[in-house]
Amino acid sequence: MMRRHAFRASCALALCCLNACVAHYTRDQRTADGYVYTPPVANDDWEYTTNGPVELAPPARTLRHHEAIPLSFASSGANGHAQNRVEGLYLRSRLPGAKKLLIVLPIWGSNR
């Protein structure tokens, strides 16, 4: 019982000491000579112009719950693809009714 009280007391004392050190620490807040603050400048708005329609191929695979349909479209920049296209798979549900759409496209290109 006495050990537990001693441990708690030593923890409380350590926290008080650390708090006192932090509370009394001061730094020199002056800026470097000749420094003048300038606010950041907004970037130009990003613009995208379509380079053609999205091309859908016939289903590559038909699975139990969905069909895997290859899709591709022209890249907006150089991406390293032989025809400079972006390719992906559209997984279309085979079940009736509206579904949420999620398209995941891997990015393998490089920006030069």
C-alpha atoms as a PDB file:
ATOM      1  CA  MET A   1       0.000   0.000   0.000  1.00  0.00           C
ATOM      2  CA  MET A   2       2.792   2.377   0.882  1.00  0.00           C
ATOM      3  CA  ARG A   3       4.608   1.612  -2.390  1.00  0.00           C
ATOM      4  CA  ARG A   4       1.549   2.585  -4.418  1.00  0.00           C
ATOM      5  CA  HIS A   5       1.249   5.945  -2.621  1.00  0.00           C
ATOM      6  CA  ALA A   6       4.962   6.580  -3.089  1.00  0.00           C
ATOM      7  CA  PHE A   7       4.698   5.752  -6.804  1.00  0.00           C
ATOM      8  CA  ARG A   8       1.742   8.107  -7.279  1.00  0.00           C
ATOM      9  CA  ALA A   9       3.484  10.853  -5.353  1.00  0.00           C
ATOM     10  CA  SER A  10       6.658  10.483  -7.423  1.00  0.00           C
ATOM     11  CA  CYS A  11       4.627  10.558 -10.669  1.00  0.00           C
ATOM     12  CA  ALA A  12       2.809  13.708  -9.537  1.00  0.00           C
ATOM     13  CA  LEU A  13       6.120  15.335  -8.572  1.00  0.00           C
ATOM     14  CA  ALA A  14       7.659  14.428 -11.957  1.00  0.00           C
ATOM     15  CA  LEU A  15       4.663  15.915 -13.809  1.00  0.00           C
ATOM     16  CA  CYS A  16       4.888  19.114 -11.771  1.00  0.00           C
ATOM     17  CA  CYS A  17       8.613  19.421 -12.516  1.00  0.00           C
ATOM     18  CA  LEU A  18       8.073  18.873 -16.238  1.00  0.00           C
ATOM     19  CA  ASN A  19       5.242  21.403 -16.259  1.00  0.00           C
ATOM     20  CA  ALA A  20       7.439  23.951 -14.505  1.00  0.00           C
ATOM     21  CA  CYS A  21      10.222  23.432 -17.065  1.00  0.00           C
ATOM     22  CA  VAL A  22       7.873  23.858 -20.006  1.00  0.00           C
ATOM     23  CA  ALA A  23       6.071  26.841 -18.501  1.00  0.00           C
ATOM     24  CA  HIS A  24       9.325  28.740 -17.899  1.00  0.00           C
ATOM     25  CA  TYR A  25      11.064  27.983 -21.184  1.00  0.00           C
ATOM     26  CA  THR A  26      11.413  31.033 -23.401  1.00  0.00           C
ATOM     27  CA  ARG A  27      12.692  31.383 -26.943  1.00  0.00           C
ATOM     28  CA  ASP A  28      13.957  34.262 -28.977  1.00  0.00           C
ATOM     29  CA  GLN A  29      10.990  35.042 -31.246  1.00  0.00           C
ATOM     30  CA  ARG A  30      12.764  37.527 -33.515  1.00  0.00           C
ATOM     31  CA  THR A  31      12.789  36.855 -37.246  1.00  0.00           C
ATOM     32  CA  ALA A  32      15.915  36.840 -39.363  1.00  0.00           C
ATOM     33  CA  ASP A  33      17.215  40.220 -40.480  1.00  0.00           C
ATOM     34  CA  GLY A  34      15.614  41.422 -43.695  1.00  0.00           C
ATOM     35  CA  TYR A  35      12.738  38.916 -43.543  1.00  0.00           C
ATOM     36  CA  VAL A  36       9.448  40.286 -44.851  1.00  0.00           C
ATOM     37  CA  TYR A  37       6.313  38.154 -44.705  1.00  0.00           C
ATOM     38  CA  THR A  38       4.450  37.701 -47.961  1.00  0.00           C
ATOM     39  CA  PRO A  39       1.152  35.815 -47.979  1.00  0.00           C
ATOM     40  CA  PRO A  40       0.884  32.776 -50.255  1.00  0.00           C
ATOM     41  CA  VAL A  41      -0.349  33.339 -53.791  1.00  0.00           C
ATOM     42  CA  ALA A  42      -3.253  31.255 -55.049  1.00  0.00           C
ATOM     43  CA  ASN A  43      -2.461  28.763 -57.790  1.00  0.00           C
ATOM     44  CA  ASP A  44      -4.162  28.959 -61.152  1.00  0.00           C
ATOM     45  CA  ASP A  45      -7.319  26.903 -61.366  1.00  0.00           C
ATOM     46  CA  TRP A  46      -6.720  23.434 -62.751  1.00  0.00           C
ATOM     47  CA  GLU A  47      -8.424  22.909 -66.066  1.00  0.00           C
ATOM     48  CA  TYR A  48      -9.188  19.680 -67.856  1.00  0.00           C
ATOM     49  CA  THR A  49     -10.381  19.358 -71.406  1.00  0.00           C
ATOM     50  CA  THR A  50     -11.653  16.023 -72.582  1.00  0.00           C
ATOM     51  CA  ASN A  51      -9.542  14.281 -75.191  1.00  0.00           C
ATOM     52  CA  GLY A  52     -12.240  11.972 -76.435  1.00  0.00           C
ATOM     53  CA  PRO A  53     -14.886   9.608 -75.128  1.00  0.00           C
ATOM     54  CA  VAL A  54     -14.407   6.737 -72.711  1.00  0.00           C
ATOM     55  CA  GLU A  55     -14.192   3.528 -74.714  1.00  0.00           C
ATOM     56  CA  LEU A  56     -15.815   0.404 -73.276  1.00  0.00           C
ATOM     57  CA  ALA A  57     -14.782  -3.002 -74.617  1.00  0.00           C
ATOM     58  CA  PRO A  58     -16.964  -6.122 -74.484  1.00  0.00           C
ATOM     59  CA  PRO A  59     -16.936  -7.827 -71.061  1.00  0.00           C
ATOM     60  CA  ALA A  60     -13.574  -9.531 -70.531  1.00  0.00           C
ATOM     61  CA  ARG A  61     -14.876 -11.804 -67.768  1.00  0.00           C
ATOM     62  CA  THR A  62     -18.279 -12.683 -66.451  1.00  0.00           C
ATOM     63  CA  LEU A  63     -18.219 -13.646 -62.797  1.00  0.00           C
ATOM     64  CA  ARG A  64     -20.951 -14.706 -60.406  1.00  0.00           C
ATOM     65  CA  HIS A  65     -22.035 -11.215 -59.341  1.00  0.00           C
ATOM     66  CA  HIS A  66     -20.457  -8.855 -61.880  1.00  0.00           C
ATOM     67  CA  GLU A  67     -18.917  -8.423 -65.315  1.00  0.00           C
ATOM     68  CA  ALA A  68     -15.401  -7.021 -65.795  1.00  0.00           C
ATOM     69  CA  ILE A  69     -15.504  -4.510 -68.652  1.00  0.00           C
ATOM     70  CA  PRO A  70     -12.222  -2.941 -69.848  1.00  0.00           C
ATOM     71  CA  LEU A  71     -12.396   0.831 -70.301  1.00  0.00           C
ATOM     72  CA  SER A  72      -9.883   3.310 -71.675  1.00  0.00           C
ATOM     73  CA  PHE A  73      -9.637   6.988 -72.512  1.00  0.00           C
ATOM     74  CA  ALA A  74      -6.993   9.418 -73.731  1.00  0.00           C
ATOM     75  CA  SER A  75      -4.625  10.670 -71.039  1.00  0.00           C
ATOM     76  CA  SER A  76      -4.555  14.389 -70.251  1.00  0.00           C
ATOM     77  CA  GLY A  77      -0.736  14.236 -70.185  1.00  0.00           C
ATOM     78  CA  ALA A  78       2.167  11.955 -71.058  1.00  0.00           C
ATOM     79  CA  ASN A  79       1.795   8.787 -69.001  1.00  0.00           C
ATOM     80  CA  GLY A  80       4.218   6.310 -70.581  1.00  0.00           C
ATOM     81  CA  HIS A  81       1.520   4.157 -72.194  1.00  0.00           C
ATOM     82  CA  ALA A  82       2.253   3.161 -75.804  1.00  0.00           C
ATOM     83  CA  GLN A  83      -0.861   4.998 -77.074  1.00  0.00           C
ATOM     84  CA  ASN A  84      -0.879   7.497 -74.161  1.00  0.00           C
ATOM     85  CA  ARG A  85      -4.143   6.110 -72.806  1.00  0.00           C
ATOM     86  CA  VAL A  86      -5.519   5.441 -69.337  1.00  0.00           C
ATOM     87  CA  GLU A  87      -6.885   1.920 -68.901  1.00  0.00           C
ATOM     88  CA  GLY A  88      -9.040   0.410 -66.193  1.00  0.00           C
ATOM     89  CA  LEU A  89     -11.758  -2.112 -65.426  1.00  0.00           C
ATOM     90  CA  TYR A  90     -15.417  -1.315 -64.883  1.00  0.00           C
ATOM     91  CA  LEU A  91     -17.024  -3.934 -62.645  1.00  0.00           C
ATOM     92  CA  ARG A  92     -20.704  -3.900 -63.592  1.00  0.00           C
ATOM     93  CA  SER A  93     -23.139  -5.677 -61.295  1.00  0.00           C
ATOM     94  CA  ARG A  94     -25.241  -8.440 -62.810  1.00  0.00           C
ATOM     95  CA  LEU A  95     -27.967  -7.925 -60.204  1.00  0.00           C
ATOM     96  CA  PRO A  96     -30.969  -5.705 -61.044  1.00  0.00           C
ATOM     97  CA  GLY A  97     -31.452  -2.252 -59.568  1.00  0.00           C
ATOM     98  CA  ALA A  98     -29.406   0.917 -59.178  1.00  0.00           C
ATOM     99  CA  LYS A  99     -25.939   0.602 -57.638  1.00  0.00           C
ATOM    100  CA  LYS A 100     -23.263   3.011 -56.481  1.00  0.00           C
ATOM    101  CA  LEU A 101     -20.451   3.456 -58.994  1.00  0.00           C
ATOM    102  CA  LEU A 102     -16.783   3.193 -58.037  1.00  0.00           C
ATOM    103  CA  ILE A 103     -14.021   3.249 -60.642  1.00  0.00           C
ATOM    104  CA  VAL A 104     -10.467   2.549 -59.485  1.00  0.00           C
ATOM    105  CA  LEU A 105      -7.738   3.462 -61.965  1.00  0.00           C
ATOM    106  CA  PRO A 106      -4.125   2.589 -61.205  1.00  0.00           C
ATOM    107  CA  ILE A 107      -1.724   5.409 -61.966  1.00  0.00           C
ATOM    108  CA  TRP A 108       1.453   4.106 -63.596  1.00  0.00           C
ATOM    109  CA  GLY A 109       2.481   7.170 -65.560  1.00  0.00           C
ATOM    110  CA  SER A 110       5.204   9.696 -65.005  1.00  0.00           C
ATOM    111  CA  ASN A 111       5.058  13.451 -65.200  1.00  0.00           C
ATOM    112  CA  ARG A 112       7.995  15.057 -67.009  1.00  0.00           C
END
